[in-house]
Amino acid sequence: MFMEEIEGTSETQKDPDSIGFLHGYRQLEENIEYAVTKQFKVEMDVYPNDLPRELAEREVLLEHYEEQRRLLKVKDDMVFRLS
């Protein structure tokens, strides 16, 4: 949002609009000041030591998936035999 406004005032234009630039200068300055002073999050929510725990959880889910898949195959076979 702010970067598009800043890029719109670049010198790459063939015929720079000085009046338009001066007219929008205050808003441009406020946008730059906001971008420079914006707080950012320094603490990360992801920890590298979470990987083994996450892998264990995924393995449990995969085991349940395999159980459900086998159960579904048995049910499909029963329905097929009844038809």
C-alpha atoms as a PDB file:
ATOM      1  CA  MET A   1       0.000   0.000   0.000  1.00  0.00           C
ATOM      2  CA  PHE A   2       2.604   2.516   1.070  1.00  0.00           C
ATOM      3  CA  MET A   3       5.250   1.211  -1.298  1.00  0.00           C
ATOM      4  CA  GLU A   4       2.970   1.673  -4.300  1.00  0.00           C
ATOM      5  CA  GLU A   5       2.497   5.325  -3.402  1.00  0.00           C
ATOM      6  CA  ILE A   6       6.230   5.815  -2.956  1.00  0.00           C
ATOM      7  CA  GLU A   7       7.016   4.036  -6.204  1.00  0.00           C
ATOM      8  CA  GLY A   8       4.459   6.196  -7.986  1.00  0.00           C
ATOM      9  CA  THR A   9       6.609   9.229  -7.218  1.00  0.00           C
ATOM     10  CA  SER A  10       9.839   7.753  -8.568  1.00  0.00           C
ATOM     11  CA  GLU A  11      12.015   9.503 -11.099  1.00  0.00           C
ATOM     12  CA  THR A  12      11.441   6.782 -13.699  1.00  0.00           C
ATOM     13  CA  GLN A  13       8.438   8.651 -15.052  1.00  0.00           C
ATOM     14  CA  LYS A  14       9.050  10.528 -18.314  1.00  0.00           C
ATOM     15  CA  ASP A  15       7.219  13.675 -17.184  1.00  0.00           C
ATOM     16  CA  PRO A  16       7.374  13.986 -13.399  1.00  0.00           C
ATOM     17  CA  ASP A  17       4.372  15.718 -11.864  1.00  0.00           C
ATOM     18  CA  SER A  18       5.942  18.192  -9.418  1.00  0.00           C
ATOM     19  CA  ILE A  19       2.637  19.779  -8.413  1.00  0.00           C
ATOM     20  CA  GLY A  20       1.056  16.376  -7.786  1.00  0.00           C
ATOM     21  CA  PHE A  21       4.058  15.315  -5.754  1.00  0.00           C
ATOM     22  CA  LEU A  22       3.942  18.438  -3.609  1.00  0.00           C
ATOM     23  CA  HIS A  23       0.188  18.054  -3.170  1.00  0.00           C
ATOM     24  CA  GLY A  24       0.572  14.483  -1.886  1.00  0.00           C
ATOM     25  CA  TYR A  25       3.791  15.126   0.054  1.00  0.00           C
ATOM     26  CA  ARG A  26       2.186  15.286   3.498  1.00  0.00           C
ATOM     27  CA  GLN A  27       0.399  11.929   3.057  1.00  0.00           C
ATOM     28  CA  LEU A  28       3.562  10.396   1.604  1.00  0.00           C
ATOM     29  CA  GLU A  29       5.603  11.647   4.559  1.00  0.00           C
ATOM     30  CA  GLU A  30       3.052  10.238   7.033  1.00  0.00           C
ATOM     31  CA  ASN A  31       3.137   6.864   5.260  1.00  0.00           C
ATOM     32  CA  ILE A  32       6.924   6.750   5.381  1.00  0.00           C
ATOM     33  CA  GLU A  33       6.964   7.755   9.050  1.00  0.00           C
ATOM     34  CA  TYR A  34       4.417   5.030   9.839  1.00  0.00           C
ATOM     35  CA  ALA A  35       6.444   2.410   7.953  1.00  0.00           C
ATOM     36  CA  VAL A  36       9.675   3.403   9.701  1.00  0.00           C
ATOM     37  CA  THR A  37       8.204   3.425  13.212  1.00  0.00           C
ATOM     38  CA  LYS A  38       5.987   0.368  12.836  1.00  0.00           C
ATOM     39  CA  GLN A  39       6.619  -2.175  15.568  1.00  0.00           C
ATOM     40  CA  PHE A  40       7.377  -5.702  14.493  1.00  0.00           C
ATOM     41  CA  LYS A  41       7.198  -8.970  16.365  1.00  0.00           C
ATOM     42  CA  VAL A  42      10.575 -10.176  17.593  1.00  0.00           C
ATOM     43  CA  GLU A  43       9.390 -13.321  19.338  1.00  0.00           C
ATOM     44  CA  MET A  44       8.840 -16.351  17.149  1.00  0.00           C
ATOM     45  CA  ASP A  45       5.956 -18.763  17.751  1.00  0.00           C
ATOM     46  CA  VAL A  46       7.800 -21.687  16.185  1.00  0.00           C
ATOM     47  CA  TYR A  47      10.558 -23.411  18.097  1.00  0.00           C
ATOM     48  CA  PRO A  48      13.042 -25.757  16.431  1.00  0.00           C
ATOM     49  CA  ASN A  49      12.715 -28.330  19.210  1.00  0.00           C
ATOM     50  CA  ASP A  50       8.998 -28.771  18.362  1.00  0.00           C
ATOM     51  CA  LEU A  51       9.833 -30.848  15.296  1.00  0.00           C
ATOM     52  CA  PRO A  52      10.193 -34.235  17.078  1.00  0.00           C
ATOM     53  CA  ARG A  53       6.890 -33.705  18.916  1.00  0.00           C
ATOM     54  CA  GLU A  54       5.147 -32.697  15.708  1.00  0.00           C
ATOM     55  CA  LEU A  55       6.531 -35.741  13.898  1.00  0.00           C
ATOM     56  CA  ALA A  56       5.252 -38.024  16.666  1.00  0.00           C
ATOM     57  CA  GLU A  57       1.790 -36.449  16.374  1.00  0.00           C
ATOM     58  CA  ARG A  58       1.828 -36.937  12.604  1.00  0.00           C
ATOM     59  CA  GLU A  59       2.801 -40.598  12.994  1.00  0.00           C
ATOM     60  CA  VAL A  60      -0.164 -41.170  15.344  1.00  0.00           C
ATOM     61  CA  LEU A  61      -2.484 -39.521  12.830  1.00  0.00           C
ATOM     62  CA  LEU A  62      -1.031 -41.661  10.057  1.00  0.00           C
ATOM     63  CA  GLU A  63      -1.640 -44.831  12.099  1.00  0.00           C
ATOM     64  CA  HIS A  64      -5.266 -43.818  12.624  1.00  0.00           C
ATOM     65  CA  TYR A  65      -5.572 -43.089   8.924  1.00  0.00           C
ATOM     66  CA  GLU A  66      -4.283 -46.549   8.032  1.00  0.00           C
ATOM     67  CA  GLU A  67      -6.723 -48.156  10.499  1.00  0.00           C
ATOM     68  CA  GLN A  68      -9.619 -46.216   9.004  1.00  0.00           C
ATOM     69  CA  ARG A  69      -8.528 -47.102   5.479  1.00  0.00           C
ATOM     70  CA  ARG A  70      -8.452 -50.833   6.320  1.00  0.00           C
ATOM     71  CA  LEU A  71     -11.856 -50.613   8.001  1.00  0.00           C
ATOM     72  CA  LEU A  72     -13.299 -48.850   4.995  1.00  0.00           C
ATOM     73  CA  LYS A  73     -11.902 -51.524   2.663  1.00  0.00           C
ATOM     74  CA  VAL A  74     -13.576 -54.262   4.753  1.00  0.00           C
ATOM     75  CA  LYS A  75     -16.874 -52.374   4.637  1.00  0.00           C
ATOM     76  CA  ASP A  76     -16.543 -51.866   0.866  1.00  0.00           C
ATOM     77  CA  ASP A  77     -15.891 -55.589   0.405  1.00  0.00           C
ATOM     78  CA  MET A  78     -18.971 -56.466   2.481  1.00  0.00           C
ATOM     79  CA  VAL A  79     -21.176 -54.097   0.479  1.00  0.00           C
ATOM     80  CA  PHE A  80     -19.785 -55.496  -2.767  1.00  0.00           C
ATOM     81  CA  ARG A  81     -20.557 -59.074  -1.678  1.00  0.00           C
ATOM     82  CA  LEU A  82     -24.124 -58.112  -0.683  1.00  0.00           C
ATOM     83  CA  SER A  83     -24.840 -56.555  -4.063  1.00  0.00           C
END
